Amino acid sequence: METLLKTAFTPSVFELQDQSRFHAGHAGASPGGETHYKLSLVSTAFEGLNRVARQRLVYQALHEEFDTGLHALSLDLKTPAEAGSA
């Protein structure tokens, strides 16, 4: 997943956290984890795009991951200008 995202978005900030352990027993959780993640990306690829369009780009890049077990993905997607003003 990391390689796919870094290739697709060339981010200046990349943070991917497996949060599966917090969702044990939840629908979509599976033994061994790797089903629930939190992603923070800062990329120029998001410039001019609203929140939904940014999310669609990420989901499109990860469609095979979702098809093979990824259940939930929390997203924080910003442009460099937005990240600098936070």
PDB file of N, CA and C in Angstrom:
ATOM      1  N   MET A   1       0.828  -1.182   0.000  1.00  0.00           N
ATOM      2  CA  MET A   1       0.000   0.000   0.000  1.00  0.00           C
ATOM      3  C   MET A   1       0.882   1.259   0.000  1.00  0.00           C
ATOM      4  N   GLU A   2       1.937   1.233   0.790  1.00  0.00           N
ATOM      5  CA  GLU A   2       2.831   2.389   0.850  1.00  0.00           C
ATOM      6  C   GLU A   2       3.436   2.702  -0.517  1.00  0.00           C
ATOM      7  N   THR A   3       3.914   1.695  -1.198  1.00  0.00           N
ATOM      8  CA  THR A   3       4.526   1.893  -2.515  1.00  0.00           C
ATOM      9  C   THR A   3       3.515   2.444  -3.514  1.00  0.00           C
ATOM     10  N   LEU A   4       2.307   1.890  -3.508  1.00  0.00           N
ATOM     11  CA  LEU A   4       1.265   2.369  -4.424  1.00  0.00           C
ATOM     12  C   LEU A   4       0.975   3.853  -4.201  1.00  0.00           C
ATOM     13  N   LEU A   5       0.814   4.227  -2.943  1.00  0.00           N
ATOM     14  CA  LEU A   5       0.462   5.609  -2.623  1.00  0.00           C
ATOM     15  C   LEU A   5       1.609   6.577  -2.913  1.00  0.00           C
ATOM     16  N   LYS A   6       2.815   6.177  -2.580  1.00  0.00           N
ATOM     17  CA  LYS A   6       3.960   7.052  -2.845  1.00  0.00           C
ATOM     18  C   LYS A   6       4.192   7.228  -4.342  1.00  0.00           C
ATOM     19  N   THR A   7       3.970   6.186  -5.098  1.00  0.00           N
ATOM     20  CA  THR A   7       4.114   6.269  -6.552  1.00  0.00           C
ATOM     21  C   THR A   7       3.023   7.148  -7.160  1.00  0.00           C
ATOM     22  N   ALA A   8       1.806   6.985  -6.692  1.00  0.00           N
ATOM     23  CA  ALA A   8       0.674   7.716  -7.260  1.00  0.00           C
ATOM     24  C   ALA A   8       0.669   9.198  -6.889  1.00  0.00           C
ATOM     25  N   PHE A   9       1.139   9.552  -5.679  1.00  0.00           N
ATOM     26  CA  PHE A   9       0.960  10.921  -5.190  1.00  0.00           C
ATOM     27  C   PHE A   9       2.253  11.673  -4.877  1.00  0.00           C
ATOM     28  N   THR A  10       3.397  11.018  -4.908  1.00  0.00           N
ATOM     29  CA  THR A  10       4.680  11.647  -4.593  1.00  0.00           C
ATOM     30  C   THR A  10       4.518  12.628  -3.419  1.00  0.00           C
ATOM     31  N   PRO A  11       4.112  12.131  -2.276  1.00  0.00           N
ATOM     32  CA  PRO A  11       3.800  13.021  -1.155  1.00  0.00           C
ATOM     33  C   PRO A  11       5.036  13.619  -0.487  1.00  0.00           C
ATOM     34  N   SER A  12       4.867  14.825   0.049  1.00  0.00           N
ATOM     35  CA  SER A  12       5.928  15.418   0.860  1.00  0.00           C
ATOM     36  C   SER A  12       5.779  14.974   2.316  1.00  0.00           C
ATOM     37  N   VAL A  13       4.580  14.559   2.677  1.00  0.00           N
ATOM     38  CA  VAL A  13       4.316  13.968   3.994  1.00  0.00           C
ATOM     39  C   VAL A  13       3.533  12.685   3.754  1.00  0.00           C
ATOM     40  N   PHE A  14       3.972  11.622   4.398  1.00  0.00           N
ATOM     41  CA  PHE A  14       3.305  10.329   4.263  1.00  0.00           C
ATOM     42  C   PHE A  14       3.282   9.646   5.621  1.00  0.00           C
ATOM     43  N   GLU A  15       2.100   9.392   6.145  1.00  0.00           N
ATOM     44  CA  GLU A  15       1.947   8.662   7.396  1.00  0.00           C
ATOM     45  C   GLU A  15       0.827   7.646   7.216  1.00  0.00           C
ATOM     46  N   LEU A  16       1.155   6.386   7.411  1.00  0.00           N
ATOM     47  CA  LEU A  16       0.185   5.304   7.284  1.00  0.00           C
ATOM     48  C   LEU A  16       0.249   4.475   8.554  1.00  0.00           C
ATOM     49  N   GLN A  17      -0.866   4.412   9.270  1.00  0.00           N
ATOM     50  CA  GLN A  17      -0.921   3.687  10.533  1.00  0.00           C
ATOM     51  C   GLN A  17      -1.938   2.558  10.437  1.00  0.00           C
ATOM     52  N   ASP A  18      -1.496   1.353  10.805  1.00  0.00           N
ATOM     53  CA  ASP A  18      -2.414   0.215  10.898  1.00  0.00           C
ATOM     54  C   ASP A  18      -3.136   0.336  12.231  1.00  0.00           C
ATOM     55  N   GLN A  19      -4.425   0.596  12.184  1.00  0.00           N
ATOM     56  CA  GLN A  19      -5.232   0.751  13.396  1.00  0.00           C
ATOM     57  C   GLN A  19      -6.166  -0.433  13.610  1.00  0.00           C
ATOM     58  N   SER A  20      -5.863  -1.544  12.981  1.00  0.00           N
ATOM     59  CA  SER A  20      -6.716  -2.724  13.049  1.00  0.00           C
ATOM     60  C   SER A  20      -6.940  -3.205  14.475  1.00  0.00           C
ATOM     61  N   ARG A  21      -5.922  -3.083  15.318  1.00  0.00           N
ATOM     62  CA  ARG A  21      -6.045  -3.575  16.696  1.00  0.00           C
ATOM     63  C   ARG A  21      -7.162  -2.861  17.459  1.00  0.00           C
ATOM     64  N   PHE A  22      -7.502  -1.651  17.058  1.00  0.00           N
ATOM     65  CA  PHE A  22      -8.571  -0.907  17.715  1.00  0.00           C
ATOM     66  C   PHE A  22      -9.960  -1.363  17.263  1.00  0.00           C
ATOM     67  N   HIS A  23     -10.005  -2.213  16.235  1.00  0.00           N
ATOM     68  CA  HIS A  23     -11.275  -2.626  15.643  1.00  0.00           C
ATOM     69  C   HIS A  23     -11.526  -4.130  15.768  1.00  0.00           C
ATOM     70  N   ALA A  24     -10.840  -4.763  16.690  1.00  0.00           N
ATOM     71  CA  ALA A  24     -11.036  -6.209  16.895  1.00  0.00           C
ATOM     72  C   ALA A  24     -12.507  -6.474  17.185  1.00  0.00           C
ATOM     73  N   GLY A  25     -13.073  -7.442  16.502  1.00  0.00           N
ATOM     74  CA  GLY A  25     -14.483  -7.779  16.676  1.00  0.00           C
ATOM     75  C   GLY A  25     -15.420  -6.958  15.818  1.00  0.00           C
ATOM     76  N   HIS A  26     -14.917  -5.921  15.194  1.00  0.00           N
ATOM     77  CA  HIS A  26     -15.718  -5.047  14.336  1.00  0.00           C
ATOM     78  C   HIS A  26     -15.900  -5.712  12.977  1.00  0.00           C
ATOM     79  N   ALA A  27     -17.008  -5.428  12.327  1.00  0.00           N
ATOM     80  CA  ALA A  27     -17.243  -5.972  10.978  1.00  0.00           C
ATOM     81  C   ALA A  27     -16.085  -5.578  10.077  1.00  0.00           C
ATOM     82  N   GLY A  28     -15.575  -6.534   9.348  1.00  0.00           N
ATOM     83  CA  GLY A  28     -14.480  -6.273   8.436  1.00  0.00           C
ATOM     84  C   GLY A  28     -13.114  -6.517   9.035  1.00  0.00           C
ATOM     85  N   ALA A  29     -13.041  -6.622  10.355  1.00  0.00           N
ATOM     86  CA  ALA A  29     -11.757  -6.911  10.999  1.00  0.00           C
ATOM     87  C   ALA A  29     -11.430  -8.382  10.797  1.00  0.00           C
ATOM     88  N   SER A  30     -10.158  -8.672  10.676  1.00  0.00           N
ATOM     89  CA  SER A  30      -9.765 -10.065  10.517  1.00  0.00           C
ATOM     90  C   SER A  30      -8.550 -10.339  11.389  1.00  0.00           C
ATOM     91  N   PRO A  31      -8.360 -11.572  11.787  1.00  0.00           N
ATOM     92  CA  PRO A  31      -7.176 -11.906  12.583  1.00  0.00           C
ATOM     93  C   PRO A  31      -5.910 -11.491  11.847  1.00  0.00           C
ATOM     94  N   GLY A  32      -4.974 -10.923  12.577  1.00  0.00           N
ATOM     95  CA  GLY A  32      -3.731 -10.468  11.951  1.00  0.00           C
ATOM     96  C   GLY A  32      -3.776  -9.026  11.491  1.00  0.00           C
ATOM     97  N   GLY A  33      -4.945  -8.408  11.528  1.00  0.00           N
ATOM     98  CA  GLY A  33      -5.052  -6.991  11.196  1.00  0.00           C
ATOM     99  C   GLY A  33      -4.966  -6.683   9.723  1.00  0.00           C
ATOM    100  N   GLU A  34      -4.392  -5.531   9.437  1.00  0.00           N
ATOM    101  CA  GLU A  34      -4.253  -4.999   8.081  1.00  0.00           C
ATOM    102  C   GLU A  34      -5.597  -4.804   7.394  1.00  0.00           C
ATOM    103  N   THR A  35      -6.593  -4.379   8.161  1.00  0.00           N
ATOM    104  CA  THR A  35      -7.913  -4.116   7.592  1.00  0.00           C
ATOM    105  C   THR A  35      -8.378  -2.678   7.822  1.00  0.00           C
ATOM    106  N   HIS A  36      -7.824  -1.998   8.821  1.00  0.00           N
ATOM    107  CA  HIS A  36      -8.224  -0.636   9.173  1.00  0.00           C
ATOM    108  C   HIS A  36      -6.973   0.243   9.259  1.00  0.00           C
ATOM    109  N   TYR A  37      -6.935   1.307   8.455  1.00  0.00           N
ATOM    110  CA  TYR A  37      -5.766   2.177   8.414  1.00  0.00           C
ATOM    111  C   TYR A  37      -6.155   3.645   8.527  1.00  0.00           C
ATOM    112  N   LYS A  38      -5.191   4.438   8.973  1.00  0.00           N
ATOM    113  CA  LYS A  38      -5.306   5.894   8.966  1.00  0.00           C
ATOM    114  C   LYS A  38      -4.183   6.408   8.080  1.00  0.00           C
ATOM    115  N   LEU A  39      -4.533   7.256   7.107  1.00  0.00           N
ATOM    116  CA  LEU A  39      -3.576   7.776   6.143  1.00  0.00           C
ATOM    117  C   LEU A  39      -3.565   9.297   6.170  1.00  0.00           C
ATOM    118  N   SER A  40      -2.373   9.862   6.285  1.00  0.00           N
ATOM    119  CA  SER A  40      -2.179  11.304   6.141  1.00  0.00           C
ATOM    120  C   SER A  40      -1.222  11.516   4.983  1.00  0.00           C
ATOM    121  N   LEU A  41      -1.667  12.291   4.012  1.00  0.00           N
ATOM    122  CA  LEU A  41      -0.856  12.586   2.823  1.00  0.00           C
ATOM    123  C   LEU A  41      -0.872  14.075   2.549  1.00  0.00           C
ATOM    124  N   VAL A  42       0.284  14.612   2.208  1.00  0.00           N
ATOM    125  CA  VAL A  42       0.386  15.974   1.692  1.00  0.00           C
ATOM    126  C   VAL A  42       0.983  15.842   0.302  1.00  0.00           C
ATOM    127  N   SER A  43       0.240  16.331  -0.694  1.00  0.00           N
ATOM    128  CA  SER A  43       0.675  16.158  -2.078  1.00  0.00           C
ATOM    129  C   SER A  43       0.161  17.282  -2.968  1.00  0.00           C
ATOM    130  N   THR A  44       0.974  17.668  -3.934  1.00  0.00           N
ATOM    131  CA  THR A  44       0.531  18.648  -4.928  1.00  0.00           C
ATOM    132  C   THR A  44      -0.563  18.069  -5.815  1.00  0.00           C
ATOM    133  N   ALA A  45      -0.702  16.746  -5.830  1.00  0.00           N
ATOM    134  CA  ALA A  45      -1.745  16.096  -6.636  1.00  0.00           C
ATOM    135  C   ALA A  45      -3.143  16.504  -6.192  1.00  0.00           C
ATOM    136  N   PHE A  46      -3.271  17.029  -4.972  1.00  0.00           N
ATOM    137  CA  PHE A  46      -4.589  17.404  -4.446  1.00  0.00           C
ATOM    138  C   PHE A  46      -4.951  18.869  -4.723  1.00  0.00           C
ATOM    139  N   GLU A  47      -4.033  19.624  -5.311  1.00  0.00           N
ATOM    140  CA  GLU A  47      -4.304  21.037  -5.574  1.00  0.00           C
ATOM    141  C   GLU A  47      -5.476  21.188  -6.534  1.00  0.00           C
ATOM    142  N   GLY A  48      -6.398  22.080  -6.173  1.00  0.00           N
ATOM    143  CA  GLY A  48      -7.567  22.352  -6.997  1.00  0.00           C
ATOM    144  C   GLY A  48      -8.695  21.341  -6.843  1.00  0.00           C
ATOM    145  N   LEU A  49      -8.515  20.349  -5.967  1.00  0.00           N
ATOM    146  CA  LEU A  49      -9.532  19.316  -5.783  1.00  0.00           C
ATOM    147  C   LEU A  49     -10.206  19.474  -4.420  1.00  0.00           C
ATOM    148  N   ASN A  50     -11.509  19.228  -4.390  1.00  0.00           N
ATOM    149  CA  ASN A  50     -12.202  19.259  -3.105  1.00  0.00           C
ATOM    150  C   ASN A  50     -11.958  17.946  -2.353  1.00  0.00           C
ATOM    151  N   ARG A  51     -12.442  17.875  -1.134  1.00  0.00           N
ATOM    152  CA  ARG A  51     -12.206  16.719  -0.271  1.00  0.00           C
ATOM    153  C   ARG A  51     -12.666  15.417  -0.912  1.00  0.00           C
ATOM    154  N   VAL A  52     -13.847  15.403  -1.500  1.00  0.00           N
ATOM    155  CA  VAL A  52     -14.389  14.182  -2.106  1.00  0.00           C
ATOM    156  C   VAL A  52     -13.554  13.736  -3.299  1.00  0.00           C
ATOM    157  N   ALA A  53     -13.131  14.663  -4.133  1.00  0.00           N
ATOM    158  CA  ALA A  53     -12.305  14.321  -5.294  1.00  0.00           C
ATOM    159  C   ALA A  53     -10.959  13.743  -4.856  1.00  0.00           C
ATOM    160  N   ARG A  54     -10.401  14.288  -3.787  1.00  0.00           N
ATOM    161  CA  ARG A  54      -9.133  13.760  -3.254  1.00  0.00           C
ATOM    162  C   ARG A  54      -9.323  12.328  -2.758  1.00  0.00           C
ATOM    163  N   GLN A  55     -10.408  12.107  -2.032  1.00  0.00           N
ATOM    164  CA  GLN A  55     -10.684  10.766  -1.519  1.00  0.00           C
ATOM    165  C   GLN A  55     -10.874   9.779  -2.656  1.00  0.00           C
ATOM    166  N   ARG A  56     -11.561  10.187  -3.692  1.00  0.00           N
ATOM    167  CA  ARG A  56     -11.770   9.299  -4.842  1.00  0.00           C
ATOM    168  C   ARG A  56     -10.452   8.892  -5.479  1.00  0.00           C
ATOM    169  N   LEU A  57      -9.514   9.826  -5.577  1.00  0.00           N
ATOM    170  CA  LEU A  57      -8.206   9.496  -6.141  1.00  0.00           C
ATOM    171  C   LEU A  57      -7.498   8.428  -5.309  1.00  0.00           C
ATOM    172  N   VAL A  58      -7.559   8.575  -4.000  1.00  0.00           N
ATOM    173  CA  VAL A  58      -6.897   7.603  -3.121  1.00  0.00           C
ATOM    174  C   VAL A  58      -7.600   6.250  -3.216  1.00  0.00           C
ATOM    175  N   TYR A  59      -8.912   6.248  -3.160  1.00  0.00           N
ATOM    176  CA  TYR A  59      -9.648   4.980  -3.266  1.00  0.00           C
ATOM    177  C   TYR A  59      -9.372   4.293  -4.608  1.00  0.00           C
ATOM    178  N   GLN A  60      -9.276   5.081  -5.675  1.00  0.00           N
ATOM    179  CA  GLN A  60      -8.976   4.516  -6.990  1.00  0.00           C
ATOM    180  C   GLN A  60      -7.588   3.871  -6.990  1.00  0.00           C
ATOM    181  N   ALA A  61      -6.626   4.540  -6.380  1.00  0.00           N
ATOM    182  CA  ALA A  61      -5.268   3.993  -6.324  1.00  0.00           C
ATOM    183  C   ALA A  61      -5.207   2.698  -5.513  1.00  0.00           C
ATOM    184  N   LEU A  62      -6.119   2.557  -4.546  1.00  0.00           N
ATOM    185  CA  LEU A  62      -6.106   1.393  -3.650  1.00  0.00           C
ATOM    186  C   LEU A  62      -7.230   0.393  -3.929  1.00  0.00           C
ATOM    187  N   HIS A  63      -7.852   0.469  -5.090  1.00  0.00           N
ATOM    188  CA  HIS A  63      -9.007  -0.399  -5.349  1.00  0.00           C
ATOM    189  C   HIS A  63      -8.678  -1.881  -5.170  1.00  0.00           C
ATOM    190  N   GLU A  64      -7.494  -2.314  -5.571  1.00  0.00           N
ATOM    191  CA  GLU A  64      -7.138  -3.730  -5.403  1.00  0.00           C
ATOM    192  C   GLU A  64      -6.969  -4.088  -3.928  1.00  0.00           C
ATOM    193  N   GLU A  65      -6.475  -3.153  -3.137  1.00  0.00           N
ATOM    194  CA  GLU A  65      -6.330  -3.390  -1.689  1.00  0.00           C
ATOM    195  C   GLU A  65      -7.703  -3.596  -1.054  1.00  0.00           C
ATOM    196  N   PHE A  66      -8.665  -2.773  -1.447  1.00  0.00           N
ATOM    197  CA  PHE A  66     -10.025  -2.924  -0.916  1.00  0.00           C
ATOM    198  C   PHE A  66     -10.636  -4.250  -1.369  1.00  0.00           C
ATOM    199  N   ASP A  67     -10.317  -4.671  -2.580  1.00  0.00           N
ATOM    200  CA  ASP A  67     -10.842  -5.941  -3.089  1.00  0.00           C
ATOM    201  C   ASP A  67     -10.256  -7.150  -2.368  1.00  0.00           C
ATOM    202  N   THR A  68      -9.089  -6.963  -1.732  1.00  0.00           N
ATOM    203  CA  THR A  68      -8.418  -8.101  -1.106  1.00  0.00           C
ATOM    204  C   THR A  68      -8.294  -7.992   0.408  1.00  0.00           C
ATOM    205  N   GLY A  69      -9.175  -7.215   1.055  1.00  0.00           N
ATOM    206  CA  GLY A  69      -9.206  -7.249   2.514  1.00  0.00           C
ATOM    207  C   GLY A  69      -9.170  -5.932   3.249  1.00  0.00           C
ATOM    208  N   LEU A  70      -8.721  -4.855   2.599  1.00  0.00           N
ATOM    209  CA  LEU A  70      -8.761  -3.562   3.267  1.00  0.00           C
ATOM    210  C   LEU A  70     -10.216  -3.187   3.488  1.00  0.00           C
ATOM    211  N   HIS A  71     -10.572  -2.866   4.726  1.00  0.00           N
ATOM    212  CA  HIS A  71     -11.972  -2.619   5.057  1.00  0.00           C
ATOM    213  C   HIS A  71     -12.266  -1.143   5.299  1.00  0.00           C
ATOM    214  N   ALA A  72     -11.361  -0.445   5.998  1.00  0.00           N
ATOM    215  CA  ALA A  72     -11.634   0.944   6.363  1.00  0.00           C
ATOM    216  C   ALA A  72     -10.363   1.773   6.246  1.00  0.00           C
ATOM    217  N   LEU A  73     -10.531   3.004   5.789  1.00  0.00           N
ATOM    218  CA  LEU A  73      -9.404   3.897   5.595  1.00  0.00           C
ATOM    219  C   LEU A  73      -9.826   5.305   6.008  1.00  0.00           C
ATOM    220  N   SER A  74      -9.202   5.813   7.058  1.00  0.00           N
ATOM    221  CA  SER A  74      -9.426   7.180   7.510  1.00  0.00           C
ATOM    222  C   SER A  74      -8.423   8.068   6.784  1.00  0.00           C
ATOM    223  N   LEU A  75      -8.888   9.172   6.189  1.00  0.00           N
ATOM    224  CA  LEU A  75      -8.036   9.986   5.335  1.00  0.00           C
ATOM    225  C   LEU A  75      -7.883  11.418   5.823  1.00  0.00           C
ATOM    226  N   ASP A  76      -6.661  11.916   5.777  1.00  0.00           N
ATOM    227  CA  ASP A  76      -6.344  13.324   5.988  1.00  0.00           C
ATOM    228  C   ASP A  76      -5.479  13.716   4.801  1.00  0.00           C
ATOM    229  N   LEU A  77      -6.062  14.403   3.831  1.00  0.00           N
ATOM    230  CA  LEU A  77      -5.411  14.691   2.555  1.00  0.00           C
ATOM    231  C   LEU A  77      -5.306  16.197   2.366  1.00  0.00           C
ATOM    232  N   LYS A  78      -4.077  16.694   2.234  1.00  0.00           N
ATOM    233  CA  LYS A  78      -3.859  18.136   2.131  1.00  0.00           C
ATOM    234  C   LYS A  78      -2.885  18.467   1.012  1.00  0.00           C
ATOM    235  N   THR A  79      -2.960  19.708   0.554  1.00  0.00           N
ATOM    236  CA  THR A  79      -1.952  20.257  -0.355  1.00  0.00           C
ATOM    237  C   THR A  79      -0.812  20.785   0.514  1.00  0.00           C
ATOM    238  N   PRO A  80       0.352  21.031  -0.089  1.00  0.00           N
ATOM    239  CA  PRO A  80       1.437  21.623   0.698  1.00  0.00           C
ATOM    240  C   PRO A  80       1.051  22.966   1.331  1.00  0.00           C
ATOM    241  N   ALA A  81       0.294  23.792   0.610  1.00  0.00           N
ATOM    242  CA  ALA A  81      -0.127  25.080   1.167  1.00  0.00           C
ATOM    243  C   ALA A  81      -1.037  24.890   2.382  1.00  0.00           C
ATOM    244  N   GLU A  82      -1.933  23.928   2.316  1.00  0.00           N
ATOM    245  CA  GLU A  82      -2.832  23.655   3.442  1.00  0.00           C
ATOM    246  C   GLU A  82      -2.062  23.102   4.639  1.00  0.00           C
ATOM    247  N   ALA A  83      -1.087  22.267   4.379  1.00  0.00           N
ATOM    248  CA  ALA A  83      -0.291  21.682   5.454  1.00  0.00           C
ATOM    249  C   ALA A  83       0.571  22.742   6.127  1.00  0.00           C
ATOM    250  N   GLY A  84       1.049  23.698   5.347  1.00  0.00           N
ATOM    251  CA  GLY A  84       1.889  24.765   5.890  1.00  0.00           C
ATOM    252  C   GLY A  84       1.137  25.761   6.734  1.00  0.00           C
ATOM    253  N   SER A  85      -0.179  25.850   6.498  1.00  0.00           N
ATOM    254  CA  SER A  85      -0.982  26.836   7.258  1.00  0.00           C
ATOM    255  C   SER A  85      -1.658  26.202   8.456  1.00  0.00           C
ATOM    256  N   ALA A  86      -1.438  24.878   8.667  1.00  0.00           N
ATOM    257  CA  ALA A  86      -2.091  24.204   9.783  1.00  0.00           C
ATOM    258  C   ALA A  86      -1.380  24.472  11.087  1.00  0.00           C
TER     259      ALA A  86
END
